[in-house]
Amino acid sequence: MANFCPECGGDLKFDPVSKDLVCKSCGLFASREKLDEIRDKRRDQLKDGRKALHDDYLEWWQTSKKDKQSR
């Protein structure tokens, strides 16, 4: 696992007292499990965004040249 903050990309440091990871840039304070949840959620959002762009492009590609010029 990479030790970078999913919020800002900053460096994460382990806090031995609380056994959580702390971002030195934005102050995010979370357990390893919570960080995994945040990263999974972000990855799913990115995947959904890419799919939407792909679908829009596919729709554009399948339209006629005349329709493309009128847009």
PDB file of N, CA and C in Angstrom:
ATOM      1  N   MET A   1       0.844  -1.185   0.000  1.00  0.00           N
ATOM      2  CA  MET A   1       0.000   0.000   0.000  1.00  0.00           C
ATOM      3  C   MET A   1       0.879   1.235   0.000  1.00  0.00           C
ATOM      4  N   ALA A   2       0.532   2.164  -0.864  1.00  0.00           N
ATOM      5  CA  ALA A   2       1.270   3.418  -0.936  1.00  0.00           C
ATOM      6  C   ALA A   2       0.846   4.316   0.220  1.00  0.00           C
ATOM      7  N   ASN A   3       1.792   5.010   0.804  1.00  0.00           N
ATOM      8  CA  ASN A   3       1.498   5.896   1.927  1.00  0.00           C
ATOM      9  C   ASN A   3       1.315   7.326   1.464  1.00  0.00           C
ATOM     10  N   PHE A   4       0.233   7.553   0.714  1.00  0.00           N
ATOM     11  CA  PHE A   4      -0.127   8.908   0.320  1.00  0.00           C
ATOM     12  C   PHE A   4      -1.591   9.131   0.661  1.00  0.00           C
ATOM     13  N   CYS A   5      -1.908  10.367   0.941  1.00  0.00           N
ATOM     14  CA  CYS A   5      -3.255  10.745   1.355  1.00  0.00           C
ATOM     15  C   CYS A   5      -4.209  10.695   0.165  1.00  0.00           C
ATOM     16  N   PRO A   6      -5.359  10.039   0.308  1.00  0.00           N
ATOM     17  CA  PRO A   6      -6.322  10.004  -0.792  1.00  0.00           C
ATOM     18  C   PRO A   6      -7.028  11.347  -0.998  1.00  0.00           C
ATOM     19  N   GLU A   7      -6.942  12.241  -0.031  1.00  0.00           N
ATOM     20  CA  GLU A   7      -7.587  13.552  -0.138  1.00  0.00           C
ATOM     21  C   GLU A   7      -6.702  14.562  -0.853  1.00  0.00           C
ATOM     22  N   CYS A   8      -5.437  14.661  -0.449  1.00  0.00           N
ATOM     23  CA  CYS A   8      -4.573  15.714  -0.999  1.00  0.00           C
ATOM     24  C   CYS A   8      -3.288  15.186  -1.643  1.00  0.00           C
ATOM     25  N   GLY A   9      -2.989  13.903  -1.471  1.00  0.00           N
ATOM     26  CA  GLY A   9      -1.766  13.345  -2.034  1.00  0.00           C
ATOM     27  C   GLY A   9      -0.551  13.532  -1.153  1.00  0.00           C
ATOM     28  N   GLY A  10      -0.759  14.069   0.052  1.00  0.00           N
ATOM     29  CA  GLY A  10       0.345  14.295   0.987  1.00  0.00           C
ATOM     30  C   GLY A  10       0.870  13.004   1.595  1.00  0.00           C
ATOM     31  N   ASP A  11       1.899  13.145   2.385  1.00  0.00           N
ATOM     32  CA  ASP A  11       2.567  12.010   3.018  1.00  0.00           C
ATOM     33  C   ASP A  11       1.803  11.568   4.269  1.00  0.00           C
ATOM     34  N   LEU A  12       1.544  10.268   4.397  1.00  0.00           N
ATOM     35  CA  LEU A  12       0.880   9.726   5.576  1.00  0.00           C
ATOM     36  C   LEU A  12       1.916   9.173   6.543  1.00  0.00           C
ATOM     37  N   LYS A  13       1.740   9.479   7.797  1.00  0.00           N
ATOM     38  CA  LYS A  13       2.619   8.973   8.855  1.00  0.00           C
ATOM     39  C   LYS A  13       1.786   8.155   9.839  1.00  0.00           C
ATOM     40  N   PHE A  14       2.375   7.098  10.345  1.00  0.00           N
ATOM     41  CA  PHE A  14       1.696   6.238  11.309  1.00  0.00           C
ATOM     42  C   PHE A  14       1.805   6.837  12.704  1.00  0.00           C
ATOM     43  N   ASP A  15       0.667   6.928  13.402  1.00  0.00           N
ATOM     44  CA  ASP A  15       0.630   7.401  14.783  1.00  0.00           C
ATOM     45  C   ASP A  15       0.544   6.175  15.683  1.00  0.00           C
ATOM     46  N   PRO A  16       1.628   5.844  16.400  1.00  0.00           N
ATOM     47  CA  PRO A  16       1.634   4.612  17.202  1.00  0.00           C
ATOM     48  C   PRO A  16       0.660   4.644  18.386  1.00  0.00           C
ATOM     49  N   VAL A  17       0.312   5.805  18.885  1.00  0.00           N
ATOM     50  CA  VAL A  17      -0.594   5.902  20.023  1.00  0.00           C
ATOM     51  C   VAL A  17      -2.013   5.490  19.607  1.00  0.00           C
ATOM     52  N   SER A  18      -2.510   6.086  18.528  1.00  0.00           N
ATOM     53  CA  SER A  18      -3.878   5.788  18.082  1.00  0.00           C
ATOM     54  C   SER A  18      -3.925   4.648  17.067  1.00  0.00           C
ATOM     55  N   LYS A  19      -2.755   4.271  16.541  1.00  0.00           N
ATOM     56  CA  LYS A  19      -2.630   3.235  15.515  1.00  0.00           C
ATOM     57  C   LYS A  19      -3.408   3.600  14.248  1.00  0.00           C
ATOM     58  N   ASP A  20      -3.409   4.889  13.938  1.00  0.00           N
ATOM     59  CA  ASP A  20      -4.035   5.406  12.725  1.00  0.00           C
ATOM     60  C   ASP A  20      -2.974   6.102  11.892  1.00  0.00           C
ATOM     61  N   LEU A  21      -3.347   6.424  10.659  1.00  0.00           N
ATOM     62  CA  LEU A  21      -2.463   7.165   9.773  1.00  0.00           C
ATOM     63  C   LEU A  21      -2.908   8.622   9.744  1.00  0.00           C
ATOM     64  N   VAL A  22      -1.938   9.529   9.733  1.00  0.00           N
ATOM     65  CA  VAL A  22      -2.201  10.964   9.762  1.00  0.00           C
ATOM     66  C   VAL A  22      -1.502  11.610   8.580  1.00  0.00           C
ATOM     67  N   CYS A  23      -2.244  12.469   7.864  1.00  0.00           N
ATOM     68  CA  CYS A  23      -1.661  13.213   6.759  1.00  0.00           C
ATOM     69  C   CYS A  23      -1.015  14.474   7.314  1.00  0.00           C
ATOM     70  N   LYS A  24       0.229  14.698   6.937  1.00  0.00           N
ATOM     71  CA  LYS A  24       0.949  15.876   7.411  1.00  0.00           C
ATOM     72  C   LYS A  24       0.526  17.141   6.671  1.00  0.00           C
ATOM     73  N   SER A  25      -0.129  17.003   5.518  1.00  0.00           N
ATOM     74  CA  SER A  25      -0.536  18.175   4.743  1.00  0.00           C
ATOM     75  C   SER A  25      -1.923  18.676   5.126  1.00  0.00           C
ATOM     76  N   CYS A  26      -2.925  17.770   5.056  1.00  0.00           N
ATOM     77  CA  CYS A  26      -4.301  18.221   5.275  1.00  0.00           C
ATOM     78  C   CYS A  26      -4.869  17.806   6.633  1.00  0.00           C
ATOM     79  N   GLY A  27      -4.155  16.950   7.359  1.00  0.00           N
ATOM     80  CA  GLY A  27      -4.607  16.567   8.690  1.00  0.00           C
ATOM     81  C   GLY A  27      -5.578  15.405   8.729  1.00  0.00           C
ATOM     82  N   LEU A  28      -5.780  14.711   7.618  1.00  0.00           N
ATOM     83  CA  LEU A  28      -6.660  13.546   7.601  1.00  0.00           C
ATOM     84  C   LEU A  28      -6.154  12.530   8.618  1.00  0.00           C
ATOM     85  N   PHE A  29      -7.074  12.002   9.401  1.00  0.00           N
ATOM     86  CA  PHE A  29      -6.737  11.086  10.482  1.00  0.00           C
ATOM     87  C   PHE A  29      -7.655   9.883  10.339  1.00  0.00           C
ATOM     88  N   ALA A  30      -7.128   8.734   9.883  1.00  0.00           N
ATOM     89  CA  ALA A  30      -7.991   7.589   9.629  1.00  0.00           C
ATOM     90  C   ALA A  30      -7.232   6.283   9.790  1.00  0.00           C
ATOM     91  N   SER A  31      -7.999   5.233  10.036  1.00  0.00           N
ATOM     92  CA  SER A  31      -7.416   3.896  10.131  1.00  0.00           C
ATOM     93  C   SER A  31      -7.121   3.390   8.723  1.00  0.00           C
ATOM     94  N   ARG A  32      -6.362   2.331   8.645  1.00  0.00           N
ATOM     95  CA  ARG A  32      -6.022   1.738   7.353  1.00  0.00           C
ATOM     96  C   ARG A  32      -7.285   1.287   6.618  1.00  0.00           C
ATOM     97  N   GLU A  33      -8.237   0.734   7.357  1.00  0.00           N
ATOM     98  CA  GLU A  33      -9.487   0.275   6.743  1.00  0.00           C
ATOM     99  C   GLU A  33     -10.279   1.445   6.151  1.00  0.00           C
ATOM    100  N   LYS A  34     -10.341   2.544   6.889  1.00  0.00           N
ATOM    101  CA  LYS A  34     -11.059   3.728   6.414  1.00  0.00           C
ATOM    102  C   LYS A  34     -10.381   4.302   5.168  1.00  0.00           C
ATOM    103  N   LEU A  35      -9.051   4.316   5.142  1.00  0.00           N
ATOM    104  CA  LEU A  35      -8.325   4.799   3.967  1.00  0.00           C
ATOM    105  C   LEU A  35      -8.611   3.910   2.759  1.00  0.00           C
ATOM    106  N   ASP A  36      -8.686   2.603   2.978  1.00  0.00           N
ATOM    107  CA  ASP A  36      -9.021   1.693   1.883  1.00  0.00           C
ATOM    108  C   ASP A  36     -10.420   1.986   1.349  1.00  0.00           C
ATOM    109  N   GLU A  37     -11.378   2.265   2.236  1.00  0.00           N
ATOM    110  CA  GLU A  37     -12.745   2.605   1.815  1.00  0.00           C
ATOM    111  C   GLU A  37     -12.751   3.886   0.984  1.00  0.00           C
ATOM    112  N   ILE A  38     -12.006   4.897   1.425  1.00  0.00           N
ATOM    113  CA  ILE A  38     -11.939   6.172   0.705  1.00  0.00           C
ATOM    114  C   ILE A  38     -11.338   5.956  -0.677  1.00  0.00           C
ATOM    115  N   ARG A  39     -10.265   5.195  -0.759  1.00  0.00           N
ATOM    116  CA  ARG A  39      -9.613   4.938  -2.049  1.00  0.00           C
ATOM    117  C   ARG A  39     -10.524   4.148  -2.980  1.00  0.00           C
ATOM    118  N   ASP A  40     -11.244   3.152  -2.446  1.00  0.00           N
ATOM    119  CA  ASP A  40     -12.166   2.369  -3.273  1.00  0.00           C
ATOM    120  C   ASP A  40     -13.290   3.249  -3.814  1.00  0.00           C
ATOM    121  N   LYS A  41     -13.808   4.134  -2.966  1.00  0.00           N
ATOM    122  CA  LYS A  41     -14.880   5.033  -3.382  1.00  0.00           C
ATOM    123  C   LYS A  41     -14.392   5.965  -4.499  1.00  0.00           C
ATOM    124  N   ARG A  42     -13.194   6.506  -4.347  1.00  0.00           N
ATOM    125  CA  ARG A  42     -12.630   7.396  -5.368  1.00  0.00           C
ATOM    126  C   ARG A  42     -12.401   6.646  -6.678  1.00  0.00           C
ATOM    127  N   ARG A  43     -11.905   5.416  -6.590  1.00  0.00           N
ATOM    128  CA  ARG A  43     -11.654   4.617  -7.792  1.00  0.00           C
ATOM    129  C   ARG A  43     -12.972   4.346  -8.526  1.00  0.00           C
ATOM    130  N   ASP A  44     -14.031   4.038  -7.778  1.00  0.00           N
ATOM    131  CA  ASP A  44     -15.340   3.792  -8.385  1.00  0.00           C
ATOM    132  C   ASP A  44     -15.883   5.057  -9.050  1.00  0.00           C
ATOM    133  N   GLN A  45     -15.691   6.221  -8.415  1.00  0.00           N
ATOM    134  CA  GLN A  45     -16.142   7.477  -9.005  1.00  0.00           C
ATOM    135  C   GLN A  45     -15.392   7.767 -10.300  1.00  0.00           C
ATOM    136  N   LEU A  46     -14.101   7.498 -10.309  1.00  0.00           N
ATOM    137  CA  LEU A  46     -13.295   7.714 -11.507  1.00  0.00           C
ATOM    138  C   LEU A  46     -13.756   6.779 -12.620  1.00  0.00           C
ATOM    139  N   LYS A  47     -14.014   5.528 -12.264  1.00  0.00           N
ATOM    140  CA  LYS A  47     -14.474   4.554 -13.241  1.00  0.00           C
ATOM    141  C   LYS A  47     -15.817   4.978 -13.833  1.00  0.00           C
ATOM    142  N   ASP A  48     -16.738   5.477 -12.995  1.00  0.00           N
ATOM    143  CA  ASP A  48     -18.037   5.944 -13.470  1.00  0.00           C
ATOM    144  C   ASP A  48     -17.877   7.141 -14.415  1.00  0.00           C
ATOM    145  N   GLY A  49     -16.967   8.042 -14.081  1.00  0.00           N
ATOM    146  CA  GLY A  49     -16.713   9.206 -14.928  1.00  0.00           C
ATOM    147  C   GLY A  49     -16.146   8.811 -16.278  1.00  0.00           C
ATOM    148  N   ARG A  50     -15.225   7.855 -16.277  1.00  0.00           N
ATOM    149  CA  ARG A  50     -14.645   7.386 -17.535  1.00  0.00           C
ATOM    150  C   ARG A  50     -15.705   6.700 -18.388  1.00  0.00           C
ATOM    151  N   LYS A  51     -16.577   5.934 -17.752  1.00  0.00           N
ATOM    152  CA  LYS A  51     -17.640   5.249 -18.494  1.00  0.00           C
ATOM    153  C   LYS A  51     -18.579   6.267 -19.127  1.00  0.00           C
ATOM    154  N   ALA A  52     -18.912   7.321 -18.411  1.00  0.00           N
ATOM    155  CA  ALA A  52     -19.790   8.355 -18.955  1.00  0.00           C
ATOM    156  C   ALA A  52     -19.136   9.034 -20.161  1.00  0.00           C
ATOM    157  N   LEU A  53     -17.838   9.336 -20.062  1.00  0.00           N
ATOM    158  CA  LEU A  53     -17.131   9.942 -21.191  1.00  0.00           C
ATOM    159  C   LEU A  53     -17.103   8.998 -22.390  1.00  0.00           C
ATOM    160  N   HIS A  54     -16.870   7.729 -22.117  1.00  0.00           N
ATOM    161  CA  HIS A  54     -16.847   6.728 -23.174  1.00  0.00           C
ATOM    162  C   HIS A  54     -18.205   6.642 -23.866  1.00  0.00           C
ATOM    163  N   ASP A  55     -19.267   6.615 -23.074  1.00  0.00           N
ATOM    164  CA  ASP A  55     -20.614   6.528 -23.638  1.00  0.00           C
ATOM    165  C   ASP A  55     -20.938   7.758 -24.486  1.00  0.00           C
ATOM    166  N   ASP A  56     -20.539   8.941 -24.013  1.00  0.00           N
ATOM    167  CA  ASP A  56     -20.769  10.169 -24.781  1.00  0.00           C
ATOM    168  C   ASP A  56     -20.008  10.141 -26.099  1.00  0.00           C
ATOM    169  N   TYR A  57     -18.760   9.696 -26.037  1.00  0.00           N
ATOM    170  CA  TYR A  57     -17.953   9.617 -27.252  1.00  0.00           C
ATOM    171  C   TYR A  57     -18.547   8.607 -28.221  1.00  0.00           C
ATOM    172  N   LEU A  58     -18.977   7.469 -27.722  1.00  0.00           N
ATOM    173  CA  LEU A  58     -19.562   6.446 -28.579  1.00  0.00           C
ATOM    174  C   LEU A  58     -20.828   6.960 -29.255  1.00  0.00           C
ATOM    175  N   GLU A  59     -21.643   7.680 -28.518  1.00  0.00           N
ATOM    176  CA  GLU A  59     -22.852   8.268 -29.096  1.00  0.00           C
ATOM    177  C   GLU A  59     -22.483   9.268 -30.201  1.00  0.00           C
ATOM    178  N   TRP A  60     -21.481  10.109 -29.930  1.00  0.00           N
ATOM    179  CA  TRP A  60     -21.026  11.071 -30.928  1.00  0.00           C
ATOM    180  C   TRP A  60     -20.497  10.354 -32.169  1.00  0.00           C
ATOM    181  N   TRP A  61     -19.711   9.309 -31.976  1.00  0.00           N
ATOM    182  CA  TRP A  61     -19.091   8.585 -33.076  1.00  0.00           C
ATOM    183  C   TRP A  61     -20.144   7.950 -33.977  1.00  0.00           C
ATOM    184  N   GLN A  62     -21.229   7.506 -33.382  1.00  0.00           N
ATOM    185  CA  GLN A  62     -22.249   6.799 -34.149  1.00  0.00           C
ATOM    186  C   GLN A  62     -23.242   7.731 -34.846  1.00  0.00           C
ATOM    187  N   THR A  63     -23.173   9.026 -34.579  1.00  0.00           N
ATOM    188  CA  THR A  63     -24.059   9.967 -35.272  1.00  0.00           C
ATOM    189  C   THR A  63     -23.505  10.250 -36.661  1.00  0.00           C
ATOM    190  N   SER A  64     -24.341  10.748 -37.508  1.00  0.00           N
ATOM    191  CA  SER A  64     -23.905  11.036 -38.880  1.00  0.00           C
ATOM    192  C   SER A  64     -23.042  12.295 -38.893  1.00  0.00           C
ATOM    193  N   LYS A  65     -22.298  12.452 -39.975  1.00  0.00           N
ATOM    194  CA  LYS A  65     -21.418  13.611 -40.109  1.00  0.00           C
ATOM    195  C   LYS A  65     -22.229  14.911 -40.126  1.00  0.00           C
ATOM    196  N   LYS A  66     -23.382  14.877 -40.719  1.00  0.00           N
ATOM    197  CA  LYS A  66     -24.242  16.057 -40.796  1.00  0.00           C
ATOM    198  C   LYS A  66     -24.687  16.476 -39.401  1.00  0.00           C
ATOM    199  N   ASP A  67     -25.061  15.518 -38.578  1.00  0.00           N
ATOM    200  CA  ASP A  67     -25.473  15.814 -37.202  1.00  0.00           C
ATOM    201  C   ASP A  67     -24.304  16.360 -36.384  1.00  0.00           C
ATOM    202  N   LYS A  68     -23.100  15.862 -36.623  1.00  0.00           N
ATOM    203  CA  LYS A  68     -21.923  16.331 -35.882  1.00  0.00           C
ATOM    204  C   LYS A  68     -21.631  17.798 -36.180  1.00  0.00           C
ATOM    205  N   GLN A  69     -21.819  18.202 -37.424  1.00  0.00           N
ATOM    206  CA  GLN A  69     -21.521  19.570 -37.824  1.00  0.00           C
ATOM    207  C   GLN A  69     -22.544  20.552 -37.264  1.00  0.00           C
ATOM    208  N   SER A  70     -23.737  20.081 -36.982  1.00  0.00           N
ATOM    209  CA  SER A  70     -24.760  20.978 -36.458  1.00  0.00           C
ATOM    210  C   SER A  70     -24.635  21.169 -34.949  1.00  0.00           C
ATOM    211  N   ARG A  71     -23.809  20.398 -34.280  1.00  0.00           N
ATOM    212  CA  ARG A  71     -23.645  20.520 -32.820  1.00  0.00           C
ATOM    213  C   ARG A  71     -22.799  21.655 -32.438  1.00  0.00           C
TER     214      ARG A  71
END
